[in-house]
Amino acid sequence: MPKKFLTVREVARLLGVTPLTIRNWDARGRLIAYRNPINNYRLYKVEDVEVLLRQVEQSKQSTRKLKIDMY
């Protein structure tokens, strides 16, 4: 059965950022965290992370294009 939720560390590794960045994005509403009822850990839906991953990749491509156009 495929995994439905990811931990802060797993999301951070997938997106290439620190766990603190993931927590900050959670606080700002960029990524929605669900809480584990037993230990209160943040968990993120795989689908939500995939959407954010596409956004991060698109912004990186836009930045690269902008840098190329500037030179």
C-alpha atoms as a PDB file:
ATOM      1  CA  MET A   1       0.000   0.000   0.000  1.00  0.00           C
ATOM      2  CA  PRO A   2       1.477   3.395  -0.948  1.00  0.00           C
ATOM      3  CA  LYS A   3       2.366   5.821   1.783  1.00  0.00           C
ATOM      4  CA  LYS A   4      -0.243   8.579   2.226  1.00  0.00           C
ATOM      5  CA  PHE A   5       1.652  10.887   4.587  1.00  0.00           C
ATOM      6  CA  LEU A   6       5.241  12.107   4.900  1.00  0.00           C
ATOM      7  CA  THR A   7       7.157  13.436   7.896  1.00  0.00           C
ATOM      8  CA  VAL A   8       8.813  16.854   8.064  1.00  0.00           C
ATOM      9  CA  ARG A   9      12.215  15.294   7.380  1.00  0.00           C
ATOM     10  CA  GLU A  10      10.976  13.324   4.360  1.00  0.00           C
ATOM     11  CA  VAL A  11       9.322  16.399   2.845  1.00  0.00           C
ATOM     12  CA  ALA A  12      12.446  18.488   3.436  1.00  0.00           C
ATOM     13  CA  ARG A  13      14.629  15.934   1.653  1.00  0.00           C
ATOM     14  CA  LEU A  14      12.247  15.710  -1.300  1.00  0.00           C
ATOM     15  CA  LEU A  15      12.104  19.478  -1.722  1.00  0.00           C
ATOM     16  CA  GLY A  16      15.783  20.116  -1.013  1.00  0.00           C
ATOM     17  CA  VAL A  17      15.175  22.425   1.948  1.00  0.00           C
ATOM     18  CA  THR A  18      15.650  22.189   5.702  1.00  0.00           C
ATOM     19  CA  PRO A  19      13.019  20.860   8.114  1.00  0.00           C
ATOM     20  CA  LEU A  20      12.822  24.377   9.574  1.00  0.00           C
ATOM     21  CA  THR A  21      11.780  25.700   6.157  1.00  0.00           C
ATOM     22  CA  ILE A  22       8.983  23.121   6.030  1.00  0.00           C
ATOM     23  CA  ARG A  23       7.782  24.207   9.468  1.00  0.00           C
ATOM     24  CA  ASN A  24       7.885  27.856   8.386  1.00  0.00           C
ATOM     25  CA  TRP A  25       5.879  27.067   5.245  1.00  0.00           C
ATOM     26  CA  ASP A  26       3.390  25.284   7.496  1.00  0.00           C
ATOM     27  CA  ALA A  27       3.099  28.351   9.747  1.00  0.00           C
ATOM     28  CA  ARG A  28       2.534  30.580   6.700  1.00  0.00           C
ATOM     29  CA  GLY A  29      -0.041  28.252   5.179  1.00  0.00           C
ATOM     30  CA  ARG A  30       2.018  27.290   2.129  1.00  0.00           C
ATOM     31  CA  LEU A  31       1.851  23.631   3.160  1.00  0.00           C
ATOM     32  CA  ILE A  32      -0.878  22.118   5.312  1.00  0.00           C
ATOM     33  CA  ALA A  33       0.208  19.872   8.170  1.00  0.00           C
ATOM     34  CA  TYR A  34      -1.929  17.185   9.722  1.00  0.00           C
ATOM     35  CA  ARG A  35      -1.117  16.176  13.277  1.00  0.00           C
ATOM     36  CA  ASN A  36      -0.555  12.623  14.434  1.00  0.00           C
ATOM     37  CA  PRO A  37      -3.082  12.127  17.261  1.00  0.00           C
ATOM     38  CA  ILE A  38      -0.655  10.045  19.314  1.00  0.00           C
ATOM     39  CA  ASN A  39       2.536  12.132  19.248  1.00  0.00           C
ATOM     40  CA  ASN A  40       1.345  15.409  17.636  1.00  0.00           C
ATOM     41  CA  TYR A  41       4.018  15.167  14.890  1.00  0.00           C
ATOM     42  CA  ARG A  42       3.377  17.073  11.693  1.00  0.00           C
ATOM     43  CA  LEU A  43       2.457  14.897   8.718  1.00  0.00           C
ATOM     44  CA  TYR A  44       1.938  16.034   5.143  1.00  0.00           C
ATOM     45  CA  LYS A  45      -0.201  14.474   2.436  1.00  0.00           C
ATOM     46  CA  VAL A  46       1.825  13.128  -0.481  1.00  0.00           C
ATOM     47  CA  GLU A  47      -0.508  14.916  -2.927  1.00  0.00           C
ATOM     48  CA  ASP A  48       0.086  18.293  -1.234  1.00  0.00           C
ATOM     49  CA  VAL A  49       3.846  17.769  -1.320  1.00  0.00           C
ATOM     50  CA  GLU A  50       3.733  16.850  -5.016  1.00  0.00           C
ATOM     51  CA  VAL A  51       1.916  20.108  -5.807  1.00  0.00           C
ATOM     52  CA  LEU A  52       4.462  22.120  -3.834  1.00  0.00           C
ATOM     53  CA  LEU A  53       7.333  20.239  -5.495  1.00  0.00           C
ATOM     54  CA  ARG A  54       6.031  21.249  -8.926  1.00  0.00           C
ATOM     55  CA  GLN A  55       5.777  24.870  -7.767  1.00  0.00           C
ATOM     56  CA  VAL A  56       9.346  24.834  -6.426  1.00  0.00           C
ATOM     57  CA  GLU A  57      10.662  23.301  -9.659  1.00  0.00           C
ATOM     58  CA  GLN A  58       8.814  25.879 -11.770  1.00  0.00           C
ATOM     59  CA  SER A  59      10.179  28.760  -9.710  1.00  0.00           C
ATOM     60  CA  LYS A  60      13.719  27.384 -10.076  1.00  0.00           C
ATOM     61  CA  GLN A  61      13.264  27.213 -13.853  1.00  0.00           C
ATOM     62  CA  SER A  62      11.921  30.772 -13.941  1.00  0.00           C
ATOM     63  CA  THR A  63      14.904  31.992 -11.921  1.00  0.00           C
ATOM     64  CA  ARG A  64      17.345  30.221 -14.242  1.00  0.00           C
ATOM     65  CA  LYS A  65      15.690  31.736 -17.291  1.00  0.00           C
ATOM     66  CA  LEU A  66      15.784  35.190 -15.721  1.00  0.00           C
ATOM     67  CA  LYS A  67      19.506  34.842 -14.961  1.00  0.00           C
ATOM     68  CA  ILE A  68      20.222  33.700 -18.514  1.00  0.00           C
ATOM     69  CA  ASP A  69      18.229  36.584 -19.972  1.00  0.00           C
ATOM     70  CA  MET A  70      20.144  39.080 -17.826  1.00  0.00           C
ATOM     71  CA  TYR A  71      23.554  38.089 -19.182  1.00  0.00           C
END
